[in-house]
Amino acid sequence: GTYISYSKEKPISMNPFKVTKEEYDLNFGEKKNFLKSLIFLIFKGNEFPSKIEDMLINQTIVEYYEAYFHPFTKFTEKEREGLRQKLLVASKMEEDYDKFSHSMEDIDAQIREAEMDKQAESRALMLPAEARRLKLLRQCRSLYALAQDEAASKGEKERALQIIENYKKELYNNSMLIKIDKQIDHIEEQKRRLKVRELSFNSYYEFALERIPQIVAQEKIQFNIRDFAAILKQFYRGGELEMTLNSDLDVNLFDEQFIVFEIDKIKDDPVLFPIVVLIIMDVFLQKMRIKKGRKALIIEEAWKAIASPTMAEYIKYLYKTVRKFHGIAGVVTQELNDVIDSPIVKEAIINNSDVKILLDQTKFKDRYEDIAAILGLTPIQRQQIFTINALNNREGRSYFKEVWICRGQNSDVYGVEEAPECYWAYTTERTEKEALKLYLAHYGTMQEAITRMEADRHQAGSPKYLEFARQVNEHQKVMSLW
């Protein structure tokens, strides 16, 4: 395996924006949702994005990858027609009654003109919309003449006026469509200028800052682009955290069976810590899809960094997706108060966890109601939990500790007994770790230190681990030198 530790000189950095054509074709929806979570984590922190913000960032991500994998040249006729109808509805929405009335009066004036523009009418080359406008004006004049003809019946006059009103509305729409076609040409040119030559946060940042103002102007919505640019700038070219989201991942990591990311050094950084946790999770998801066999992602205290409202959906997605690829996701906490205080934990983690493992809960016994409710424990399961390490069942047995394991509705308390050498390797007891350091300093390698330490404990009559460690610490030297 490999152990990766975060440092300023060598930060944990990746390029979460980089995807292959195959990933784009097969899993773009999942990747898009991950990138939205990442961007909003930087931009909004724990605050929920508004629906407008979500729509904007979603659209920029979709168009960003389209620009890379399918560079834009022009709208198809079907796309133009769809855009034409959309812009027409938007234009009508903006028109108030007075503007509409004024436009209709202008159309009346055009209809009542004495002479047609013969020169315009006879042009061989004419836009379809303009040709239709002239034809409608000519028909309206004929209908007006009928409506004013004394020889015409009342029914004929009423029908003529009704048709004129319909034609006037079409003329109104026609004049708007001419403007809209010019607007579509402008939008087409804007999209043509948007190029994405390589996938990274840098290129997305540049794309978004150019595209968002265009969308805002087109949709006539509000979005603070300056705040967005300023907050994300630290991850952009030349920024303090540029390398975090713009460096390609070491492909050798995909061949490692066991990877540990140690990020204690940034655990107090409210900006960087959750982002690094998130991109590590993305690395796991990429590896999970590529590699066969069983996979596991275990997040220790770092899960707190992403247990926010904005991340709830992503965590639920992670748990459900992992199962599809023969994997597991787990979180570890030493403070059950974290479970009680976070509704996100219950919704996104506990409800999606089929296996629960608890150590000794004695110190929480007087206030276990809330914990039991959140974990969904039955009265029998609670009784089981409070027997952990509480029974007089150790006489004549090797050292062990008990643990409660629940899988679905099946649960019980189990004794965990390990080889003494494993105990020395994994102990978190400070006194025992300090004693092991003395043996390591003397023998040079961890394996030799553990082997010698356990042999000495056995020679000393096999006292308890903690008792033997205290003796070593008292002498401040290995047992052979006492």
Protein backbone atom coordinates (compact mmCIF):
# COMPACT_ATOMS: atom_id res chain seq x y z
CA GLY A 1 0.00 0.00 0.00
CA THR A 2 0.90 3.67 0.11
CA TYR A 3 0.61 6.42 2.71
CA ILE A 4 -0.04 9.96 1.46
CA SER A 5 0.36 12.84 3.89
CA TYR A 6 -0.75 16.41 3.15
CA SER A 7 1.84 19.18 3.33
CA LYS A 8 2.17 22.66 1.86
CA GLU A 9 5.24 21.53 -0.08
CA LYS A 10 3.40 18.51 -1.48
CA PRO A 11 -0.36 19.01 -1.15
CA ILE A 12 -2.87 16.30 -2.01
CA SER A 13 -3.89 17.56 -5.44
CA MET A 14 -6.00 16.14 -8.23
CA ASN A 15 -7.89 17.18 -11.34
CA PRO A 16 -11.52 16.24 -10.65
CA PHE A 17 -12.62 18.00 -13.88
CA LYS A 18 -10.69 15.60 -16.11
CA VAL A 19 -12.82 12.80 -17.56
CA THR A 20 -12.35 10.43 -20.48
CA LYS A 21 -14.75 10.22 -23.42
CA GLU A 22 -15.96 6.87 -22.10
CA GLU A 23 -16.70 8.32 -18.64
CA TYR A 24 -18.45 11.27 -20.28
CA ASP A 25 -20.67 8.98 -22.36
CA LEU A 26 -21.49 6.54 -19.55
CA ASN A 27 -21.43 8.42 -16.24
CA PHE A 28 -21.65 12.13 -16.95
CA GLY A 29 -24.74 12.65 -14.79
CA GLU A 30 -22.92 11.35 -11.72
CA LYS A 31 -19.76 13.33 -12.48
CA LYS A 32 -21.80 16.49 -13.03
CA ASN A 33 -23.48 16.16 -9.63
CA PHE A 34 -20.10 15.63 -7.96
CA LEU A 35 -18.66 18.77 -9.61
CA LYS A 36 -21.72 20.78 -8.59
CA SER A 37 -21.19 19.66 -4.99
CA LEU A 38 -17.52 20.62 -5.22
CA ILE A 39 -18.19 24.08 -6.69
CA PHE A 40 -20.91 24.88 -4.17
CA LEU A 41 -18.71 23.63 -1.33
CA ILE A 42 -16.16 26.28 -2.35
CA PHE A 43 -18.69 28.98 -3.25
CA LYS A 44 -21.35 28.54 -0.54
CA GLY A 45 -19.75 26.44 2.20
CA ASN A 46 -22.54 24.87 4.27
CA GLU A 47 -25.18 27.21 2.85
CA PHE A 48 -27.77 25.82 0.44
CA PRO A 49 -27.52 27.21 -3.11
CA SER A 50 -30.61 28.90 -4.49
CA LYS A 51 -32.48 27.31 -7.39
CA ILE A 52 -31.11 30.00 -9.72
CA GLU A 53 -27.55 29.29 -8.57
CA ASP A 54 -28.07 25.55 -9.00
CA MET A 55 -29.49 26.06 -12.50
CA LEU A 56 -26.61 28.31 -13.55
CA ILE A 57 -23.79 26.08 -12.32
CA ASN A 58 -25.52 22.99 -13.72
CA GLN A 59 -25.82 24.66 -17.14
CA THR A 60 -22.20 25.83 -17.18
CA ILE A 61 -20.92 22.34 -16.33
CA VAL A 62 -23.05 20.73 -19.06
CA GLU A 63 -21.99 23.31 -21.67
CA TYR A 64 -18.34 23.18 -20.55
CA TYR A 65 -18.07 19.47 -21.35
CA GLU A 66 -20.12 19.85 -24.53
CA ALA A 67 -17.65 22.51 -25.69
CA TYR A 68 -14.77 20.09 -25.07
CA PHE A 69 -16.19 16.84 -26.44
CA HIS A 70 -18.50 18.35 -29.10
CA PRO A 71 -17.16 21.82 -30.09
CA PHE A 72 -20.02 24.07 -31.20
CA THR A 73 -20.28 25.22 -34.83
CA LYS A 74 -23.89 26.30 -35.30
CA PHE A 75 -27.47 25.56 -34.25
CA THR A 76 -29.40 22.96 -36.20
CA GLU A 77 -32.70 24.12 -37.66
CA LYS A 78 -34.53 22.18 -34.95
CA GLU A 79 -32.43 23.88 -32.24
CA ARG A 80 -33.06 27.29 -33.81
CA GLU A 81 -36.80 26.69 -33.84
CA GLY A 82 -36.82 25.58 -30.21
CA LEU A 83 -34.77 28.62 -29.21
CA ARG A 84 -37.02 30.85 -31.30
CA GLN A 85 -40.12 29.71 -29.44
CA LYS A 86 -38.41 30.04 -26.08
CA LEU A 87 -37.27 33.61 -26.81
CA LEU A 88 -40.69 34.51 -28.19
CA VAL A 89 -42.38 33.44 -24.95
CA ALA A 90 -39.78 35.39 -22.97
CA SER A 91 -40.36 38.50 -25.12
CA LYS A 92 -44.11 38.33 -24.57
CA MET A 93 -43.55 37.95 -20.85
CA GLU A 94 -41.61 41.21 -20.80
CA GLU A 95 -44.12 43.16 -22.88
CA ASP A 96 -46.67 45.01 -20.74
CA TYR A 97 -50.16 45.91 -21.96
CA ASP A 98 -49.26 49.48 -22.95
CA LYS A 99 -46.31 48.35 -25.08
CA PHE A 100 -48.49 45.70 -26.72
CA SER A 101 -51.23 48.26 -27.48
CA HIS A 102 -48.68 50.66 -28.94
CA SER A 103 -47.26 47.93 -31.18
CA MET A 104 -50.74 47.01 -32.39
CA GLU A 105 -51.41 50.68 -33.24
CA ASP A 106 -48.24 50.71 -35.33
CA ILE A 107 -49.51 47.66 -37.19
CA ASP A 108 -52.86 49.42 -37.78
CA ALA A 109 -50.97 52.35 -39.27
CA GLN A 110 -49.05 50.04 -41.63
CA ILE A 111 -52.27 48.34 -42.76
CA ARG A 112 -54.02 51.65 -43.51
CA GLU A 113 -51.17 53.01 -45.65
CA ALA A 114 -52.56 53.97 -49.05
CA GLU A 115 -49.84 52.35 -51.14
CA MET A 116 -47.84 49.21 -50.73
CA ASP A 117 -44.07 49.40 -50.86
CA LYS A 118 -43.90 48.13 -54.44
CA GLN A 119 -40.11 48.10 -54.43
CA ALA A 120 -39.96 45.97 -51.28
CA GLU A 121 -42.70 43.67 -52.52
CA SER A 122 -40.95 43.01 -55.81
CA ARG A 123 -37.58 42.07 -54.34
CA ALA A 124 -36.49 38.63 -55.52
CA LEU A 125 -34.40 37.97 -52.41
CA MET A 126 -36.38 38.41 -49.23
CA LEU A 127 -36.31 36.82 -45.78
CA PRO A 128 -39.26 34.41 -45.27
CA ALA A 129 -40.43 36.42 -42.25
CA GLU A 130 -40.40 39.66 -44.27
CA ALA A 131 -42.24 38.08 -47.20
CA ARG A 132 -44.90 36.76 -44.82
CA ARG A 133 -45.25 40.23 -43.26
CA LEU A 134 -45.94 41.87 -46.63
CA LYS A 135 -48.45 39.17 -47.55
CA LEU A 136 -50.35 39.62 -44.27
CA LEU A 137 -50.44 43.41 -44.70
CA ARG A 138 -51.89 42.99 -48.19
CA GLN A 139 -54.57 40.58 -46.93
CA CYS A 140 -55.43 42.90 -44.02
CA ARG A 141 -55.99 45.80 -46.44
CA SER A 142 -58.35 43.67 -48.49
CA LEU A 143 -60.25 42.63 -45.37
CA TYR A 144 -60.47 46.26 -44.18
CA ALA A 145 -61.96 47.17 -47.53
CA LEU A 146 -64.54 44.40 -47.10
CA ALA A 147 -65.36 45.54 -43.55
CA GLN A 148 -66.04 49.08 -44.85
CA ASP A 149 -68.02 47.99 -47.91
CA GLU A 150 -71.67 49.03 -47.49
CA ALA A 151 -72.73 46.19 -49.73
CA ALA A 152 -71.22 43.57 -47.40
CA SER A 153 -73.48 41.85 -44.87
CA LYS A 154 -73.08 42.32 -41.13
CA GLY A 155 -71.77 38.74 -40.79
CA GLU A 156 -69.18 39.26 -43.53
CA LYS A 157 -67.95 42.46 -41.86
CA GLU A 158 -67.66 40.81 -38.43
CA ARG A 159 -65.80 37.85 -39.90
CA ALA A 160 -63.41 40.17 -41.76
CA LEU A 161 -62.64 42.11 -38.56
CA GLN A 162 -62.02 38.86 -36.64
CA ILE A 163 -59.57 37.63 -39.29
CA ILE A 164 -57.83 41.05 -39.22
CA GLU A 165 -57.31 40.71 -35.44
CA ASN A 166 -55.77 37.26 -35.90
CA TYR A 167 -53.51 38.57 -38.69
CA LYS A 168 -52.48 41.53 -36.53
CA LYS A 169 -51.36 39.17 -33.77
CA GLU A 170 -49.38 37.19 -36.34
CA LEU A 171 -47.83 40.43 -37.63
CA TYR A 172 -46.90 41.32 -34.07
CA ASN A 173 -45.27 37.90 -33.57
CA ASN A 174 -43.64 38.22 -36.99
CA SER A 175 -41.96 41.51 -36.09
CA MET A 176 -40.70 39.94 -32.86
CA LEU A 177 -39.39 36.88 -34.72
CA ILE A 178 -37.27 39.09 -36.96
CA LYS A 179 -35.63 40.54 -33.83
CA ILE A 180 -35.37 37.09 -32.27
CA ASP A 181 -33.59 35.64 -35.32
CA LYS A 182 -30.96 38.36 -34.97
CA GLN A 183 -30.71 37.52 -31.26
CA ILE A 184 -30.20 33.83 -32.08
CA ASP A 185 -27.42 34.75 -34.50
CA HIS A 186 -25.75 36.66 -31.66
CA ILE A 187 -26.12 33.73 -29.23
CA GLU A 188 -24.72 31.40 -31.87
CA GLU A 189 -21.64 33.58 -32.27
CA GLN A 190 -21.15 33.73 -28.48
CA LYS A 191 -21.26 29.92 -28.20
CA ARG A 192 -18.89 29.54 -31.14
CA ARG A 193 -16.30 31.69 -29.37
CA LEU A 194 -16.39 29.54 -26.20
CA LYS A 195 -13.54 27.06 -26.54
CA VAL A 196 -12.34 24.41 -24.05
CA ARG A 197 -8.95 22.96 -25.02
CA GLU A 198 -8.13 21.05 -21.82
CA LEU A 199 -10.14 19.89 -18.82
CA SER A 200 -9.19 21.41 -15.46
CA PHE A 201 -10.54 23.78 -12.86
CA ASN A 202 -8.62 26.59 -14.60
CA SER A 203 -10.43 26.12 -17.90
CA TYR A 204 -13.82 25.67 -16.17
CA TYR A 205 -13.27 28.91 -14.22
CA GLU A 206 -12.51 30.80 -17.44
CA PHE A 207 -15.48 29.23 -19.22
CA ALA A 208 -17.90 29.98 -16.36
CA LEU A 209 -16.84 33.62 -16.01
CA GLU A 210 -17.50 34.20 -19.71
CA ARG A 211 -20.67 32.12 -19.98
CA ILE A 212 -22.54 33.06 -16.79
CA PRO A 213 -22.97 36.78 -17.70
CA GLN A 214 -24.34 35.68 -21.10
CA ILE A 215 -26.92 33.39 -19.47
CA VAL A 216 -27.82 36.05 -16.90
CA ALA A 217 -28.41 38.62 -19.66
CA GLN A 218 -30.38 36.18 -21.81
CA GLU A 219 -32.59 34.89 -18.97
CA LYS A 220 -32.76 38.30 -17.25
CA ILE A 221 -31.95 36.81 -13.85
CA GLN A 222 -29.63 37.94 -11.06
CA PHE A 223 -26.36 36.32 -10.02
CA ASN A 224 -23.40 37.91 -8.27
CA ILE A 225 -20.67 36.93 -10.71
CA ARG A 226 -18.07 39.08 -8.93
CA ASP A 227 -18.54 37.25 -5.62
CA PHE A 228 -18.42 33.91 -7.45
CA ALA A 229 -15.20 34.86 -9.24
CA ALA A 230 -13.52 36.21 -6.11
CA ILE A 231 -14.32 33.17 -3.93
CA LEU A 232 -13.19 30.61 -6.53
CA LYS A 233 -10.12 32.62 -7.60
CA GLN A 234 -7.86 31.08 -4.92
CA PHE A 235 -8.06 27.76 -6.81
CA TYR A 236 -7.38 29.41 -10.20
CA ARG A 237 -4.13 30.02 -12.04
CA GLY A 238 -1.64 31.80 -9.78
CA GLY A 239 -3.88 31.42 -6.71
CA GLU A 240 -2.72 30.07 -3.37
CA LEU A 241 -4.53 26.76 -3.89
CA GLU A 242 -4.11 26.42 -7.66
CA MET A 243 -2.51 22.97 -7.50
CA THR A 244 -5.37 21.49 -5.47
CA LEU A 245 -7.77 21.13 -8.42
CA ASN A 246 -5.45 21.36 -11.43
CA SER A 247 -2.95 18.50 -11.04
CA ASP A 248 -3.44 15.14 -12.69
CA LEU A 249 -3.68 12.24 -10.25
CA ASP A 250 -0.75 9.84 -10.01
CA VAL A 251 -2.08 6.95 -12.09
CA ASN A 252 -0.03 4.51 -9.99
CA LEU A 253 -2.55 5.01 -7.18
CA PHE A 254 -5.05 2.98 -9.18
CA ASP A 255 -2.81 -0.07 -8.83
CA GLU A 256 -2.34 0.23 -5.05
CA GLN A 257 -4.39 -2.19 -2.97
CA PHE A 258 -4.31 -0.06 0.17
CA ILE A 259 -4.12 3.76 0.26
CA VAL A 260 -4.14 5.99 3.34
CA PHE A 261 -4.67 9.74 2.97
CA GLU A 262 -3.48 11.52 6.12
CA ILE A 263 -4.89 15.05 6.25
CA ASP A 264 -4.64 16.00 9.92
CA LYS A 265 -2.53 19.03 9.02
CA ILE A 266 -5.47 20.74 7.31
CA LYS A 267 -8.30 19.54 9.57
CA ASP A 268 -8.76 23.07 10.96
CA ASP A 269 -8.87 24.71 7.52
CA PRO A 270 -12.59 25.34 6.86
CA VAL A 271 -12.04 25.81 3.12
CA LEU A 272 -9.42 23.25 2.16
CA PHE A 273 -10.30 20.35 4.46
CA PRO A 274 -13.77 19.49 3.08
CA ILE A 275 -12.58 19.97 -0.49
CA VAL A 276 -9.65 17.56 -0.09
CA VAL A 277 -11.97 15.01 1.56
CA LEU A 278 -14.38 15.35 -1.35
CA ILE A 279 -11.77 14.88 -4.08
CA ILE A 280 -10.35 11.85 -2.24
CA MET A 281 -13.84 10.35 -2.32
CA ASP A 282 -13.99 11.06 -6.05
CA VAL A 283 -10.69 9.19 -6.53
CA PHE A 284 -12.24 6.22 -4.75
CA LEU A 285 -15.30 6.32 -7.01
CA GLN A 286 -13.10 6.39 -10.12
CA LYS A 287 -11.07 3.42 -8.86
CA MET A 288 -14.23 1.62 -7.82
CA ARG A 289 -15.55 1.64 -11.40
CA ILE A 290 -12.27 0.47 -12.93
CA LYS A 291 -11.17 -2.25 -10.51
CA LYS A 292 -12.84 -5.62 -10.03
CA GLY A 293 -13.24 -7.32 -6.66
CA ARG A 294 -14.19 -5.96 -3.26
CA LYS A 295 -13.58 -2.25 -2.51
CA ALA A 296 -13.87 -0.28 0.72
CA LEU A 297 -13.78 3.42 1.55
CA ILE A 298 -13.40 4.12 5.28
CA ILE A 299 -13.59 7.75 6.39
CA GLU A 300 -12.57 8.48 9.96
CA GLU A 301 -13.14 11.87 11.60
CA ALA A 302 -12.87 13.53 8.18
CA TRP A 303 -16.52 12.70 7.47
CA LYS A 304 -17.52 15.66 9.67
CA ALA A 305 -16.07 17.99 7.03
CA ILE A 306 -18.66 16.92 4.47
CA ALA A 307 -21.67 16.31 6.75
CA SER A 308 -23.34 19.50 5.57
CA PRO A 309 -26.74 20.13 3.93
CA THR A 310 -25.10 20.77 0.56
CA MET A 311 -23.34 17.39 0.70
CA ALA A 312 -26.24 15.21 1.89
CA GLU A 313 -27.32 14.15 -1.60
CA TYR A 314 -23.75 13.36 -2.65
CA ILE A 315 -23.17 11.18 0.44
CA LYS A 316 -26.40 9.27 -0.25
CA TYR A 317 -25.33 8.86 -3.88
CA LEU A 318 -21.92 7.57 -2.73
CA TYR A 319 -23.45 4.91 -0.47
CA LYS A 320 -25.88 3.68 -3.11
CA THR A 321 -23.32 3.70 -5.94
CA VAL A 322 -20.68 1.83 -3.93
CA ARG A 323 -23.04 -1.12 -3.48
CA LYS A 324 -23.49 -1.45 -7.25
CA PHE A 325 -19.75 -2.00 -7.69
CA HIS A 326 -19.24 -4.61 -4.94
CA GLY A 327 -17.92 -2.05 -2.47
CA ILE A 328 -18.60 -0.64 0.97
CA ALA A 329 -18.43 2.84 2.46
CA GLY A 330 -17.99 3.35 6.17
CA VAL A 331 -17.49 6.18 8.63
CA VAL A 332 -15.81 6.08 12.04
CA THR A 333 -16.43 8.40 14.98
CA GLN A 334 -15.25 8.46 18.58
CA GLU A 335 -17.88 11.01 19.63
CA LEU A 336 -21.49 9.87 19.52
CA ASN A 337 -22.52 13.47 20.12
CA ASP A 338 -21.59 13.99 16.47
CA VAL A 339 -24.33 11.52 15.57
CA ILE A 340 -26.93 13.23 17.74
CA ASP A 341 -26.11 16.75 16.60
CA SER A 342 -26.12 16.14 12.84
CA PRO A 343 -29.40 15.44 11.01
CA ILE A 344 -27.30 14.90 7.88
CA VAL A 345 -25.63 11.89 9.52
CA LYS A 346 -29.00 10.26 10.15
CA GLU A 347 -30.41 11.03 6.71
CA ALA A 348 -27.37 10.37 4.54
CA ILE A 349 -25.21 7.92 6.48
CA ILE A 350 -27.08 5.93 9.15
CA ASN A 351 -30.17 5.30 7.02
CA ASN A 352 -27.93 3.94 4.25
CA SER A 353 -25.74 1.77 6.50
CA ASP A 354 -26.68 -1.90 6.78
CA VAL A 355 -23.91 -2.67 9.27
CA LYS A 356 -23.35 -0.86 12.58
CA ILE A 357 -20.46 -1.58 14.95
CA LEU A 358 -20.32 -0.14 18.48
CA LEU A 359 -17.63 -0.34 21.15
CA ASP A 360 -18.17 0.12 24.90
CA GLN A 361 -21.03 2.60 25.45
CA THR A 362 -20.96 2.72 29.26
CA LYS A 363 -20.16 6.43 29.47
CA PHE A 364 -23.29 7.25 27.44
CA LYS A 365 -25.64 5.03 29.47
CA ASP A 366 -27.47 7.86 31.26
CA ARG A 367 -28.32 9.69 28.03
CA TYR A 368 -28.72 6.91 25.51
CA GLU A 369 -32.31 7.62 24.49
CA ASP A 370 -31.42 10.03 21.67
CA ILE A 371 -28.61 7.83 20.37
CA ALA A 372 -30.81 4.72 20.42
CA ALA A 373 -33.57 6.56 18.55
CA ILE A 374 -31.22 7.80 15.82
CA LEU A 375 -29.55 4.40 15.42
CA GLY A 376 -32.95 2.66 15.45
CA LEU A 377 -32.03 0.30 18.30
CA THR A 378 -34.56 -2.12 19.76
CA PRO A 379 -34.79 -2.66 23.57
CA ILE A 380 -33.05 -6.05 23.16
CA GLN A 381 -30.22 -4.47 21.18
CA ARG A 382 -29.75 -1.82 23.88
CA GLN A 383 -29.45 -4.57 26.50
CA GLN A 384 -26.84 -6.30 24.35
CA ILE A 385 -24.82 -3.08 23.97
CA PHE A 386 -24.60 -2.49 27.72
CA THR A 387 -23.11 -5.95 28.30
CA ILE A 388 -20.01 -4.98 26.27
CA ASN A 389 -16.93 -5.59 28.47
CA ALA A 390 -19.27 -5.74 31.48
CA LEU A 391 -19.50 -9.49 32.10
CA ASN A 392 -17.19 -11.54 34.31
CA ASN A 393 -16.10 -13.81 31.47
CA ARG A 394 -12.32 -13.34 31.21
CA GLU A 395 -10.98 -16.00 33.58
CA GLY A 396 -8.49 -18.28 31.85
CA ARG A 397 -8.83 -16.55 28.50
CA SER A 398 -6.43 -14.56 26.37
CA TYR A 399 -6.79 -10.80 26.30
CA PHE A 400 -9.81 -9.66 24.28
CA LYS A 401 -12.24 -6.79 24.00
CA GLU A 402 -15.87 -6.97 23.08
CA VAL A 403 -17.77 -5.26 20.31
CA TRP A 404 -21.43 -5.11 19.28
CA ILE A 405 -22.11 -5.83 15.60
CA CYS A 406 -25.47 -5.37 13.90
CA ARG A 407 -26.15 -6.52 10.33
CA GLY A 408 -29.67 -5.72 9.28
CA GLN A 409 -31.83 -6.95 12.16
CA ASN A 410 -29.31 -9.52 13.42
CA SER A 411 -27.03 -8.37 16.23
CA ASP A 412 -24.88 -9.72 19.06
CA VAL A 413 -21.78 -9.01 21.16
CA TYR A 414 -18.52 -10.59 20.01
CA GLY A 415 -15.10 -10.93 21.61
CA VAL A 416 -12.22 -9.66 19.49
CA GLU A 417 -8.99 -11.51 20.22
CA GLU A 418 -5.86 -10.82 18.20
CA ALA A 419 -2.25 -11.96 18.16
CA PRO A 420 -0.18 -9.97 20.70
CA GLU A 421 2.01 -8.64 17.90
CA CYS A 422 -1.09 -7.18 16.21
CA TYR A 423 -2.10 -5.56 19.48
CA TRP A 424 1.27 -3.78 19.79
CA ALA A 425 1.04 -2.63 16.17
CA TYR A 426 -2.46 -1.14 16.46
CA THR A 427 -2.73 0.06 20.05
CA THR A 428 -3.74 3.69 20.54
CA GLU A 429 -2.99 3.65 24.28
CA ARG A 430 -0.39 6.39 24.82
CA THR A 431 1.56 4.53 27.54
CA GLU A 432 1.89 1.46 25.31
CA LYS A 433 2.91 3.53 22.29
CA GLU A 434 5.63 5.30 24.30
CA ALA A 435 7.03 1.95 25.44
CA LEU A 436 7.05 0.69 21.85
CA LYS A 437 9.05 3.77 20.79
CA LEU A 438 11.82 2.77 23.22
CA TYR A 439 12.01 -0.67 21.61
CA LEU A 440 11.94 0.88 18.12
CA ALA A 441 14.82 3.22 19.00
CA HIS A 442 16.86 0.27 20.26
CA TYR A 443 16.15 -2.33 17.54
CA GLY A 444 15.77 -0.06 14.50
CA THR A 445 12.73 -1.53 12.73
CA MET A 446 9.12 -1.68 13.81
CA GLN A 447 8.81 -5.39 13.07
CA GLU A 448 11.87 -6.25 15.17
CA ALA A 449 10.73 -3.90 17.96
CA ILE A 450 7.31 -5.55 18.20
CA THR A 451 8.75 -9.07 18.06
CA ARG A 452 11.26 -8.33 20.86
CA MET A 453 8.75 -6.46 22.99
CA GLU A 454 6.27 -9.32 22.95
CA ALA A 455 9.04 -11.86 23.67
CA ASP A 456 10.12 -9.79 26.68
CA ARG A 457 6.53 -9.51 27.94
CA HIS A 458 6.19 -13.29 27.71
CA GLN A 459 9.52 -13.74 29.54
CA ALA A 460 8.27 -11.37 32.26
CA GLY A 461 5.34 -13.68 32.97
CA SER A 462 2.85 -12.29 30.41
CA PRO A 463 1.52 -9.35 32.42
CA LYS A 464 -1.20 -7.23 30.83
CA TYR A 465 -0.02 -5.06 27.95
CA LEU A 466 -0.52 -1.80 29.86
CA GLU A 467 1.25 -3.13 32.96
CA PHE A 468 4.30 -4.25 30.96
CA ALA A 469 4.39 -0.92 29.07
CA ARG A 470 4.49 0.95 32.41
CA GLN A 471 7.46 -1.13 33.53
CA VAL A 472 9.31 -0.32 30.28
CA ASN A 473 8.56 3.38 30.65
CA GLU A 474 9.76 3.38 34.27
CA HIS A 475 13.15 1.98 33.20
CA GLN A 476 13.23 4.04 29.96
CA LYS A 477 15.01 1.15 28.23
CA VAL A 478 14.31 -2.29 26.78
CA MET A 479 13.99 -5.16 29.27
CA SER A 480 17.36 -6.74 28.39
CA LEU A 481 19.07 -3.59 29.74
CA TRP A 482 17.23 -3.43 33.08
